[in-house]
């Protein structure tokens, strides 16, 4: 078995929902993939039906295996940010730790 990160979304959920946010709080959606970027909009706790367009850092398996162990470890510690959309409208970037498996229809 390979000890590699799960950076591919090919086998991931068809949709995502907001998780790890308090029920009375919101998730900031930003103009870019770090907290340096301004907040574009907010999503409520448990918002469902989100789609991922892409996530960064983006490393394919071939690239992963050319990296040193030190480079792999550094990459694994980096926050993962995803560009998301809802109902076909691009919303912006969120930290992937706030996304969990969801569904397209409630």
PDB file of N, CA and C in Angstrom:
ATOM      1  N   UNK A   1       0.843  -1.174   0.000  1.00  0.00           N
ATOM      2  CA  UNK A   1       0.000   0.000   0.000  1.00  0.00           C
ATOM      3  C   UNK A   1       0.887   1.235   0.000  1.00  0.00           C
ATOM      4  N   UNK A   2       0.492   2.256  -0.768  1.00  0.00           N
ATOM      5  CA  UNK A   2       1.249   3.488  -0.856  1.00  0.00           C
ATOM      6  C   UNK A   2       0.816   4.441   0.239  1.00  0.00           C
ATOM      7  N   UNK A   3       1.770   5.142   0.782  1.00  0.00           N
ATOM      8  CA  UNK A   3       1.479   6.163   1.781  1.00  0.00           C
ATOM      9  C   UNK A   3       1.498   7.516   1.073  1.00  0.00           C
ATOM     10  N   UNK A   4       0.420   7.805   0.326  1.00  0.00           N
ATOM     11  CA  UNK A   4       0.342   9.034  -0.455  1.00  0.00           C
ATOM     12  C   UNK A   4      -0.875   9.839  -0.050  1.00  0.00           C
ATOM     13  N   UNK A   5      -0.847  11.138  -0.292  1.00  0.00           N
ATOM     14  CA  UNK A   5      -1.998  11.978   0.069  1.00  0.00           C
ATOM     15  C   UNK A   5      -3.156  11.768  -0.888  1.00  0.00           C
ATOM     16  N   UNK A   6      -4.335  12.021  -0.402  1.00  0.00           N
ATOM     17  CA  UNK A   6      -5.536  11.904  -1.237  1.00  0.00           C
ATOM     18  C   UNK A   6      -5.816  13.250  -1.880  1.00  0.00           C
ATOM     19  N   UNK A   7      -5.021  13.613  -2.879  1.00  0.00           N
ATOM     20  CA  UNK A   7      -5.179  14.904  -3.532  1.00  0.00           C
ATOM     21  C   UNK A   7      -6.080  14.835  -4.747  1.00  0.00           C
ATOM     22  N   UNK A   8      -6.463  13.669  -5.167  1.00  0.00           N
ATOM     23  CA  UNK A   8      -7.318  13.543  -6.345  1.00  0.00           C
ATOM     24  C   UNK A   8      -8.772  13.593  -5.917  1.00  0.00           C
ATOM     25  N   UNK A   9      -9.595  14.232  -6.725  1.00  0.00           N
ATOM     26  CA  UNK A   9     -11.024  14.267  -6.427  1.00  0.00           C
ATOM     27  C   UNK A   9     -11.817  13.385  -7.375  1.00  0.00           C
ATOM     28  N   UNK A  10     -11.129  12.624  -8.229  1.00  0.00           N
ATOM     29  CA  UNK A  10     -11.810  11.783  -9.218  1.00  0.00           C
ATOM     30  C   UNK A  10     -12.734  10.777  -8.556  1.00  0.00           C
ATOM     31  N   UNK A  11     -12.346  10.256  -7.408  1.00  0.00           N
ATOM     32  CA  UNK A  11     -13.163   9.266  -6.714  1.00  0.00           C
ATOM     33  C   UNK A  11     -13.866   9.871  -5.514  1.00  0.00           C
ATOM     34  N   UNK A  12     -13.896  11.188  -5.440  1.00  0.00           N
ATOM     35  CA  UNK A  12     -14.494  11.860  -4.295  1.00  0.00           C
ATOM     36  C   UNK A  12     -15.996  11.996  -4.440  1.00  0.00           C
ATOM     37  N   UNK A  13     -16.610  12.668  -3.498  1.00  0.00           N
ATOM     38  CA  UNK A  13     -18.061  12.857  -3.533  1.00  0.00           C
ATOM     39  C   UNK A  13     -18.517  13.650  -4.763  1.00  0.00           C
ATOM     40  N   UNK A  14     -19.767  13.470  -5.134  1.00  0.00           N
ATOM     41  CA  UNK A  14     -20.355  14.246  -6.229  1.00  0.00           C
ATOM     42  C   UNK A  14     -20.653  15.674  -5.789  1.00  0.00           C
ATOM     43  N   UNK A  15     -20.807  15.864  -4.489  1.00  0.00           N
ATOM     44  CA  UNK A  15     -21.100  17.187  -3.942  1.00  0.00           C
ATOM     45  C   UNK A  15     -20.506  17.273  -2.538  1.00  0.00           C
ATOM     46  N   UNK A  16     -20.419  18.498  -2.063  1.00  0.00           N
ATOM     47  CA  UNK A  16     -19.817  18.764  -0.758  1.00  0.00           C
ATOM     48  C   UNK A  16     -20.768  19.602   0.082  1.00  0.00           C
ATOM     49  N   UNK A  17     -20.524  19.607   1.399  1.00  0.00           N
ATOM     50  CA  UNK A  17     -21.296  20.438   2.315  1.00  0.00           C
ATOM     51  C   UNK A  17     -20.339  21.120   3.284  1.00  0.00           C
ATOM     52  N   UNK A  18     -20.790  22.206   3.909  1.00  0.00           N
ATOM     53  CA  UNK A  18     -19.989  22.922   4.891  1.00  0.00           C
ATOM     54  C   UNK A  18     -20.007  22.145   6.202  1.00  0.00           C
ATOM     55  N   UNK A  19     -18.825  21.847   6.720  1.00  0.00           N
ATOM     56  CA  UNK A  19     -18.667  21.136   7.995  1.00  0.00           C
ATOM     57  C   UNK A  19     -17.651  21.884   8.858  1.00  0.00           C
ATOM     58  N   UNK A  20     -17.518  21.469  10.093  1.00  0.00           N
ATOM     59  CA  UNK A  20     -16.538  22.042  11.031  1.00  0.00           C
ATOM     60  C   UNK A  20     -16.742  23.539  11.261  1.00  0.00           C
ATOM     61  N   UNK A  21     -17.977  23.981  11.107  1.00  0.00           N
ATOM     62  CA  UNK A  21     -18.379  25.355  11.398  1.00  0.00           C
ATOM     63  C   UNK A  21     -19.532  25.267  12.392  1.00  0.00           C
ATOM     64  N   UNK A  22     -19.515  26.093  13.414  1.00  0.00           N
ATOM     65  CA  UNK A  22     -20.594  26.071  14.404  1.00  0.00           C
ATOM     66  C   UNK A  22     -21.936  26.355  13.735  1.00  0.00           C
ATOM     67  N   UNK A  23     -22.994  25.789  14.280  1.00  0.00           N
ATOM     68  CA  UNK A  23     -24.334  25.932  13.698  1.00  0.00           C
ATOM     69  C   UNK A  23     -24.768  27.393  13.591  1.00  0.00           C
ATOM     70  N   UNK A  24     -24.234  28.253  14.439  1.00  0.00           N
ATOM     71  CA  UNK A  24     -24.604  29.675  14.397  1.00  0.00           C
ATOM     72  C   UNK A  24     -23.535  30.533  13.709  1.00  0.00           C
ATOM     73  N   UNK A  25     -22.642  29.888  12.955  1.00  0.00           N
ATOM     74  CA  UNK A  25     -21.546  30.596  12.301  1.00  0.00           C
ATOM     75  C   UNK A  25     -21.615  30.374  10.792  1.00  0.00           C
ATOM     76  N   UNK A  26     -20.729  31.028  10.055  1.00  0.00           N
ATOM     77  CA  UNK A  26     -20.670  30.885   8.607  1.00  0.00           C
ATOM     78  C   UNK A  26     -19.239  30.594   8.163  1.00  0.00           C
ATOM     79  N   UNK A  27     -19.108  30.071   6.966  1.00  0.00           N
ATOM     80  CA  UNK A  27     -17.812  29.806   6.356  1.00  0.00           C
ATOM     81  C   UNK A  27     -17.496  30.936   5.387  1.00  0.00           C
ATOM     82  N   UNK A  28     -16.337  31.544   5.551  1.00  0.00           N
ATOM     83  CA  UNK A  28     -15.910  32.607   4.640  1.00  0.00           C
ATOM     84  C   UNK A  28     -15.474  32.009   3.301  1.00  0.00           C
ATOM     85  N   UNK A  29     -16.003  32.563   2.232  1.00  0.00           N
ATOM     86  CA  UNK A  29     -15.602  32.203   0.875  1.00  0.00           C
ATOM     87  C   UNK A  29     -14.792  33.378   0.357  1.00  0.00           C
ATOM     88  N   UNK A  30     -13.560  33.108  -0.079  1.00  0.00           N
ATOM     89  CA  UNK A  30     -12.618  34.177  -0.396  1.00  0.00           C
ATOM     90  C   UNK A  30     -12.350  34.305  -1.889  1.00  0.00           C
ATOM     91  N   UNK A  31     -11.806  35.459  -2.275  1.00  0.00           N
ATOM     92  CA  UNK A  31     -11.463  35.730  -3.666  1.00  0.00           C
ATOM     93  C   UNK A  31     -10.267  34.908  -4.142  1.00  0.00           C
ATOM     94  N   UNK A  32      -9.460  34.398  -3.243  1.00  0.00           N
ATOM     95  CA  UNK A  32      -8.287  33.602  -3.591  1.00  0.00           C
ATOM     96  C   UNK A  32      -8.013  32.556  -2.533  1.00  0.00           C
ATOM     97  N   UNK A  33      -7.034  31.675  -2.781  1.00  0.00           N
ATOM     98  CA  UNK A  33      -6.814  30.506  -1.933  1.00  0.00           C
ATOM     99  C   UNK A  33      -5.928  30.711  -0.698  1.00  0.00           C
ATOM    100  N   UNK A  34      -6.133  31.785   0.035  1.00  0.00           N
ATOM    101  CA  UNK A  34      -5.517  31.978   1.353  1.00  0.00           C
ATOM    102  C   UNK A  34      -6.356  32.993   2.119  1.00  0.00           C
ATOM    103  N   UNK A  35      -6.074  33.122   3.401  1.00  0.00           N
ATOM    104  CA  UNK A  35      -6.801  34.100   4.213  1.00  0.00           C
ATOM    105  C   UNK A  35      -6.346  35.524   3.932  1.00  0.00           C
ATOM    106  N   UNK A  36      -5.319  35.697   3.111  1.00  0.00           N
ATOM    107  CA  UNK A  36      -4.874  37.033   2.712  1.00  0.00           C
ATOM    108  C   UNK A  36      -5.935  37.702   1.836  1.00  0.00           C
ATOM    109  N   UNK A  37      -6.686  36.898   1.089  1.00  0.00           N
ATOM    110  CA  UNK A  37      -7.719  37.426   0.197  1.00  0.00           C
ATOM    111  C   UNK A  37      -8.958  37.830   0.989  1.00  0.00           C
ATOM    112  N   UNK A  38      -9.649  38.855   0.504  1.00  0.00           N
ATOM    113  CA  UNK A  38     -10.877  39.322   1.138  1.00  0.00           C
ATOM    114  C   UNK A  38     -11.982  38.284   1.030  1.00  0.00           C
ATOM    115  N   UNK A  39     -12.938  38.404   1.937  1.00  0.00           N
ATOM    116  CA  UNK A  39     -14.117  37.542   1.935  1.00  0.00           C
ATOM    117  C   UNK A  39     -15.062  38.020   0.833  1.00  0.00           C
ATOM    118  N   UNK A  40     -15.452  37.111  -0.024  1.00  0.00           N
ATOM    119  CA  UNK A  40     -16.363  37.411  -1.138  1.00  0.00           C
ATOM    120  C   UNK A  40     -17.812  37.201  -0.722  1.00  0.00           C
ATOM    121  N   UNK A  41     -18.051  36.111  -0.002  1.00  0.00           N
ATOM    122  CA  UNK A  41     -19.381  35.778   0.489  1.00  0.00           C
ATOM    123  C   UNK A  41     -19.223  34.819   1.662  1.00  0.00           C
ATOM    124  N   UNK A  42     -20.316  34.407   2.242  1.00  0.00           N
ATOM    125  CA  UNK A  42     -20.304  33.468   3.366  1.00  0.00           C
ATOM    126  C   UNK A  42     -21.317  32.369   3.098  1.00  0.00           C
ATOM    127  N   UNK A  43     -21.022  31.191   3.627  1.00  0.00           N
ATOM    128  CA  UNK A  43     -21.950  30.060   3.515  1.00  0.00           C
ATOM    129  C   UNK A  43     -22.351  29.603   4.909  1.00  0.00           C
ATOM    130  N   UNK A  44     -23.606  29.263   5.094  1.00  0.00           N
ATOM    131  CA  UNK A  44     -24.050  28.821   6.412  1.00  0.00           C
ATOM    132  C   UNK A  44     -23.565  27.410   6.727  1.00  0.00           C
ATOM    133  N   UNK A  45     -23.519  27.107   8.013  1.00  0.00           N
ATOM    134  CA  UNK A  45     -23.251  25.747   8.477  1.00  0.00           C
ATOM    135  C   UNK A  45     -24.154  24.769   7.726  1.00  0.00           C
ATOM    136  N   UNK A  46     -23.578  23.679   7.279  1.00  0.00           N
ATOM    137  CA  UNK A  46     -24.296  22.573   6.636  1.00  0.00           C
ATOM    138  C   UNK A  46     -24.804  22.899   5.235  1.00  0.00           C
ATOM    139  N   UNK A  47     -24.363  24.017   4.637  1.00  0.00           N
ATOM    140  CA  UNK A  47     -24.741  24.311   3.247  1.00  0.00           C
ATOM    141  C   UNK A  47     -24.377  23.103   2.394  1.00  0.00           C
ATOM    142  N   UNK A  48     -25.296  22.650   1.594  1.00  0.00           N
ATOM    143  CA  UNK A  48     -25.130  21.423   0.818  1.00  0.00           C
ATOM    144  C   UNK A  48     -25.106  21.742  -0.677  1.00  0.00           C
ATOM    145  N   UNK A  49     -24.685  20.772  -1.480  1.00  0.00           N
ATOM    146  CA  UNK A  49     -24.739  20.892  -2.929  1.00  0.00           C
ATOM    147  C   UNK A  49     -23.579  21.632  -3.556  1.00  0.00           C
ATOM    148  N   UNK A  50     -22.510  21.835  -2.811  1.00  0.00           N
ATOM    149  CA  UNK A  50     -21.339  22.543  -3.342  1.00  0.00           C
ATOM    150  C   UNK A  50     -20.557  21.647  -4.287  1.00  0.00           C
ATOM    151  N   UNK A  51     -19.984  22.242  -5.307  1.00  0.00           N
ATOM    152  CA  UNK A  51     -19.143  21.527  -6.262  1.00  0.00           C
ATOM    153  C   UNK A  51     -17.723  22.088  -6.182  1.00  0.00           C
ATOM    154  N   UNK A  52     -16.735  21.200  -6.289  1.00  0.00           N
ATOM    155  CA  UNK A  52     -15.338  21.643  -6.334  1.00  0.00           C
ATOM    156  C   UNK A  52     -14.921  21.784  -7.782  1.00  0.00           C
ATOM    157  N   UNK A  53     -14.363  22.941  -8.134  1.00  0.00           N
ATOM    158  CA  UNK A  53     -13.821  23.158  -9.468  1.00  0.00           C
ATOM    159  C   UNK A  53     -12.394  22.649  -9.524  1.00  0.00           C
ATOM    160  N   UNK A  54     -11.593  23.057  -8.554  1.00  0.00           N
ATOM    161  CA  UNK A  54     -10.212  22.603  -8.421  1.00  0.00           C
ATOM    162  C   UNK A  54      -9.753  22.879  -7.008  1.00  0.00           C
ATOM    163  N   UNK A  55      -8.675  22.235  -6.615  1.00  0.00           N
ATOM    164  CA  UNK A  55      -8.082  22.478  -5.304  1.00  0.00           C
ATOM    165  C   UNK A  55      -6.579  22.665  -5.463  1.00  0.00           C
ATOM    166  N   UNK A  56      -5.995  23.442  -4.564  1.00  0.00           N
ATOM    167  CA  UNK A  56      -4.548  23.647  -4.557  1.00  0.00           C
ATOM    168  C   UNK A  56      -4.019  23.383  -3.155  1.00  0.00           C
ATOM    169  N   UNK A  57      -2.819  22.879  -2.971  1.00  0.00           N
ATOM    170  CA  UNK A  57      -1.903  22.548  -4.046  1.00  0.00           C
ATOM    171  C   UNK A  57      -2.397  21.348  -4.844  1.00  0.00           C
ATOM    172  N   UNK A  58      -2.046  21.354  -6.110  1.00  0.00           N
ATOM    173  CA  UNK A  58      -2.453  20.291  -7.032  1.00  0.00           C
ATOM    174  C   UNK A  58      -1.210  19.514  -7.443  1.00  0.00           C
ATOM    175  N   UNK A  59      -1.145  18.266  -7.027  1.00  0.00           N
ATOM    176  CA  UNK A  59      -0.003  17.418  -7.344  1.00  0.00           C
ATOM    177  C   UNK A  59      -0.546  16.086  -7.834  1.00  0.00           C
ATOM    178  N   UNK A  60      -0.146  15.695  -9.039  1.00  0.00           N
ATOM    179  CA  UNK A  60      -0.588  14.383  -9.527  1.00  0.00           C
ATOM    180  C   UNK A  60       0.355  13.295  -9.015  1.00  0.00           C
ATOM    181  N   UNK A  61      -0.017  12.052  -9.215  1.00  0.00           N
ATOM    182  CA  UNK A  61       0.741  10.936  -8.670  1.00  0.00           C
ATOM    183  C   UNK A  61       2.171  10.903  -9.217  1.00  0.00           C
ATOM    184  N   UNK A  62       2.339  11.182 -10.507  1.00  0.00           N
ATOM    185  CA  UNK A  62       3.674  11.171 -11.102  1.00  0.00           C
ATOM    186  C   UNK A  62       4.568  12.218 -10.431  1.00  0.00           C
ATOM    187  N   UNK A  63       4.010  13.403 -10.192  1.00  0.00           N
ATOM    188  CA  UNK A  63       4.774  14.452  -9.523  1.00  0.00           C
ATOM    189  C   UNK A  63       5.116  14.054  -8.087  1.00  0.00           C
ATOM    190  N   UNK A  64       4.130  13.463  -7.400  1.00  0.00           N
ATOM    191  CA  UNK A  64       4.322  13.041  -6.011  1.00  0.00           C
ATOM    192  C   UNK A  64       5.525  12.119  -5.882  1.00  0.00           C
ATOM    193  N   UNK A  65       5.654  11.160  -6.794  1.00  0.00           N
ATOM    194  CA  UNK A  65       6.725  10.176  -6.692  1.00  0.00           C
ATOM    195  C   UNK A  65       8.086  10.716  -7.119  1.00  0.00           C
ATOM    196  N   UNK A  66       8.134  11.909  -7.699  1.00  0.00           N
ATOM    197  CA  UNK A  66       9.424  12.522  -8.014  1.00  0.00           C
ATOM    198  C   UNK A  66       9.901  13.416  -6.875  1.00  0.00           C
ATOM    199  N   UNK A  67       9.046  13.653  -5.899  1.00  0.00           N
ATOM    200  CA  UNK A  67       9.378  14.526  -4.781  1.00  0.00           C
ATOM    201  C   UNK A  67      10.186  13.769  -3.733  1.00  0.00           C
ATOM    202  N   UNK A  68      11.034  14.508  -3.018  1.00  0.00           N
ATOM    203  CA  UNK A  68      11.750  13.907  -1.900  1.00  0.00           C
ATOM    204  C   UNK A  68      10.767  13.711  -0.743  1.00  0.00           C
ATOM    205  N   UNK A  69      11.147  12.911   0.222  1.00  0.00           N
ATOM    206  CA  UNK A  69      10.293  12.690   1.391  1.00  0.00           C
ATOM    207  C   UNK A  69      10.063  14.008   2.137  1.00  0.00           C
ATOM    208  N   UNK A  70      11.087  14.840   2.205  1.00  0.00           N
ATOM    209  CA  UNK A  70      10.956  16.136   2.852  1.00  0.00           C
ATOM    210  C   UNK A  70       9.932  17.012   2.119  1.00  0.00           C
ATOM    211  N   UNK A  71       9.993  17.024   0.795  1.00  0.00           N
ATOM    212  CA  UNK A  71       9.031  17.802   0.009  1.00  0.00           C
ATOM    213  C   UNK A  71       7.612  17.268   0.203  1.00  0.00           C
ATOM    214  N   UNK A  72       7.460  15.956   0.235  1.00  0.00           N
ATOM    215  CA  UNK A  72       6.146  15.347   0.461  1.00  0.00           C
ATOM    216  C   UNK A  72       5.590  15.737   1.829  1.00  0.00           C
ATOM    217  N   UNK A  73       6.450  15.693   2.845  1.00  0.00           N
ATOM    218  CA  UNK A  73       6.009  16.051   4.199  1.00  0.00           C
ATOM    219  C   UNK A  73       5.594  17.518   4.284  1.00  0.00           C
ATOM    220  N   UNK A  74       6.350  18.410   3.642  1.00  0.00           N
ATOM    221  CA  UNK A  74       5.987  19.822   3.631  1.00  0.00           C
ATOM    222  C   UNK A  74       4.648  20.042   2.930  1.00  0.00           C
ATOM    223  N   UNK A  75       4.455  19.349   1.824  1.00  0.00           N
ATOM    224  CA  UNK A  75       3.208  19.480   1.074  1.00  0.00           C
ATOM    225  C   UNK A  75       2.015  19.013   1.904  1.00  0.00           C
ATOM    226  N   UNK A  76       2.198  17.923   2.636  1.00  0.00           N
ATOM    227  CA  UNK A  76       1.111  17.375   3.449  1.00  0.00           C
ATOM    228  C   UNK A  76       0.695  18.335   4.570  1.00  0.00           C
ATOM    229  N   UNK A  77       1.602  19.222   4.975  1.00  0.00           N
ATOM    230  CA  UNK A  77       1.300  20.162   6.053  1.00  0.00           C
ATOM    231  C   UNK A  77       0.675  21.461   5.543  1.00  0.00           C
ATOM    232  N   UNK A  78       0.681  21.650   4.238  1.00  0.00           N
ATOM    233  CA  UNK A  78       0.120  22.875   3.664  1.00  0.00           C
ATOM    234  C   UNK A  78      -1.405  22.820   3.681  1.00  0.00           C
ATOM    235  N   UNK A  79      -2.046  23.949   3.947  1.00  0.00           N
ATOM    236  CA  UNK A  79      -3.514  23.959   3.864  1.00  0.00           C
ATOM    237  C   UNK A  79      -3.967  23.754   2.422  1.00  0.00           C
ATOM    238  N   UNK A  80      -5.046  23.033   2.261  1.00  0.00           N
ATOM    239  CA  UNK A  80      -5.605  22.762   0.934  1.00  0.00           C
ATOM    240  C   UNK A  80      -6.808  23.678   0.742  1.00  0.00           C
ATOM    241  N   UNK A  81      -6.832  24.405  -0.369  1.00  0.00           N
ATOM    242  CA  UNK A  81      -7.906  25.339  -0.677  1.00  0.00           C
ATOM    243  C   UNK A  81      -8.618  24.888  -1.946  1.00  0.00           C
ATOM    244  N   UNK A  82      -9.938  25.006  -1.950  1.00  0.00           N
ATOM    245  CA  UNK A  82     -10.734  24.563  -3.093  1.00  0.00           C
ATOM    246  C   UNK A  82     -11.611  25.695  -3.628  1.00  0.00           C
ATOM    247  N   UNK A  83     -11.637  25.801  -4.945  1.00  0.00           N
ATOM    248  CA  UNK A  83     -12.543  26.713  -5.632  1.00  0.00           C
ATOM    249  C   UNK A  83     -13.880  25.999  -5.733  1.00  0.00           C
ATOM    250  N   UNK A  84     -14.932  26.617  -5.223  1.00  0.00           N
ATOM    251  CA  UNK A  84     -16.230  25.951  -5.182  1.00  0.00           C
ATOM    252  C   UNK A  84     -17.291  26.735  -5.948  1.00  0.00           C
ATOM    253  N   UNK A  85     -18.336  26.001  -6.316  1.00  0.00           N
ATOM    254  CA  UNK A  85     -19.486  26.613  -6.981  1.00  0.00           C
ATOM    255  C   UNK A  85     -20.761  26.036  -6.374  1.00  0.00           C
ATOM    256  N   UNK A  86     -21.852  26.737  -6.616  1.00  0.00           N
ATOM    257  CA  UNK A  86     -23.170  26.304  -6.151  1.00  0.00           C
ATOM    258  C   UNK A  86     -24.164  26.621  -7.255  1.00  0.00           C
ATOM    259  N   UNK A  87     -24.893  25.623  -7.692  1.00  0.00           N
ATOM    260  CA  UNK A  87     -25.878  25.788  -8.766  1.00  0.00           C
ATOM    261  C   UNK A  87     -25.262  26.408 -10.019  1.00  0.00           C
ATOM    262  N   UNK A  88     -24.033  25.996 -10.330  1.00  0.00           N
ATOM    263  CA  UNK A  88     -23.362  26.465 -11.531  1.00  0.00           C
ATOM    264  C   UNK A  88     -22.695  27.832 -11.412  1.00  0.00           C
ATOM    265  N   UNK A  89     -22.790  28.467 -10.267  1.00  0.00           N
ATOM    266  CA  UNK A  89     -22.183  29.782 -10.057  1.00  0.00           C
ATOM    267  C   UNK A  89     -20.907  29.649  -9.230  1.00  0.00           C
ATOM    268  N   UNK A  90     -19.775  30.107  -9.781  1.00  0.00           N
ATOM    269  CA  UNK A  90     -18.527  30.093  -9.021  1.00  0.00           C
ATOM    270  C   UNK A  90     -18.663  31.018  -7.823  1.00  0.00           C
ATOM    271  N   UNK A  91     -18.341  30.485  -6.635  1.00  0.00           N
ATOM    272  CA  UNK A  91     -18.456  31.278  -5.414  1.00  0.00           C
ATOM    273  C   UNK A  91     -17.120  31.854  -4.976  1.00  0.00           C
ATOM    274  N   UNK A  92     -16.075  31.037  -4.975  1.00  0.00           N
ATOM    275  CA  UNK A  92     -14.766  31.463  -4.512  1.00  0.00           C
ATOM    276  C   UNK A  92     -14.044  30.309  -3.851  1.00  0.00           C
ATOM    277  N   UNK A  93     -13.068  30.643  -3.004  1.00  0.00           N
ATOM    278  CA  UNK A  93     -12.161  29.671  -2.398  1.00  0.00           C
ATOM    279  C   UNK A  93     -12.470  29.450  -0.922  1.00  0.00           C
ATOM    280  N   UNK A  94     -12.419  28.177  -0.491  1.00  0.00           N
ATOM    281  CA  UNK A  94     -12.574  27.823   0.917  1.00  0.00           C
ATOM    282  C   UNK A  94     -11.489  26.826   1.305  1.00  0.00           C
ATOM    283  N   UNK A  95     -11.142  26.822   2.569  1.00  0.00           N
ATOM    284  CA  UNK A  95     -10.194  25.834   3.075  1.00  0.00           C
ATOM    285  C   UNK A  95     -10.905  24.479   3.087  1.00  0.00           C
ATOM    286  N   UNK A  96     -10.247  23.464   2.539  1.00  0.00           N
ATOM    287  CA  UNK A  96     -10.861  22.137   2.381  1.00  0.00           C
ATOM    288  C   UNK A  96     -11.239  21.480   3.703  1.00  0.00           C
ATOM    289  N   UNK A  97     -10.658  21.929   4.811  1.00  0.00           N
ATOM    290  CA  UNK A  97     -11.014  21.304   6.096  1.00  0.00           C
ATOM    291  C   UNK A  97     -12.452  21.608   6.493  1.00  0.00           C
ATOM    292  N   UNK A  98     -13.082  22.568   5.792  1.00  0.00           N
ATOM    293  CA  UNK A  98     -14.473  22.917   6.068  1.00  0.00           C
ATOM    294  C   UNK A  98     -15.442  22.285   5.070  1.00  0.00           C
ATOM    295  N   UNK A  99     -14.958  21.341   4.278  1.00  0.00           N
ATOM    296  CA  UNK A  99     -15.809  20.641   3.315  1.00  0.00           C
ATOM    297  C   UNK A  99     -15.890  19.164   3.668  1.00  0.00           C
ATOM    298  N   UNK A 100     -17.100  18.653   3.663  1.00  0.00           N
ATOM    299  CA  UNK A 100     -17.337  17.238   3.891  1.00  0.00           C
ATOM    300  C   UNK A 100     -18.269  16.704   2.827  1.00  0.00           C
ATOM    301  N   UNK A 101     -18.379  15.398   2.752  1.00  0.00           N
ATOM    302  CA  UNK A 101     -19.231  14.791   1.743  1.00  0.00           C
ATOM    303  C   UNK A 101     -20.672  15.285   1.893  1.00  0.00           C
ATOM    304  N   UNK A 102     -21.245  15.682   0.763  1.00  0.00           N
ATOM    305  CA  UNK A 102     -22.623  16.163   0.743  1.00  0.00           C
ATOM    306  C   UNK A 102     -23.400  15.462  -0.336  1.00  0.00           C
ATOM    307  N   UNK A 103     -24.449  16.103  -0.792  1.00  0.00           N
ATOM    308  CA  UNK A 103     -25.271  15.544  -1.871  1.00  0.00           C
ATOM    309  C   UNK A 103     -25.744  16.684  -2.755  1.00  0.00           C
ATOM    310  N   UNK A 104     -26.160  16.327  -3.954  1.00  0.00           N
ATOM    311  CA  UNK A 104     -26.645  17.334  -4.900  1.00  0.00           C
ATOM    312  C   UNK A 104     -28.049  17.786  -4.576  1.00  0.00           C
ATOM    313  N   UNK A 105     -28.811  16.962  -3.897  1.00  0.00           N
ATOM    314  CA  UNK A 105     -30.190  17.308  -3.535  1.00  0.00           C
ATOM    315  C   UNK A 105     -30.410  16.983  -2.071  1.00  0.00           C
ATOM    316  N   UNK A 106     -31.091  17.868  -1.380  1.00  0.00           N
ATOM    317  CA  UNK A 106     -31.416  17.618   0.039  1.00  0.00           C
ATOM    318  C   UNK A 106     -32.606  16.707   0.160  1.00  0.00           C
TER     319      UNK A 106
END
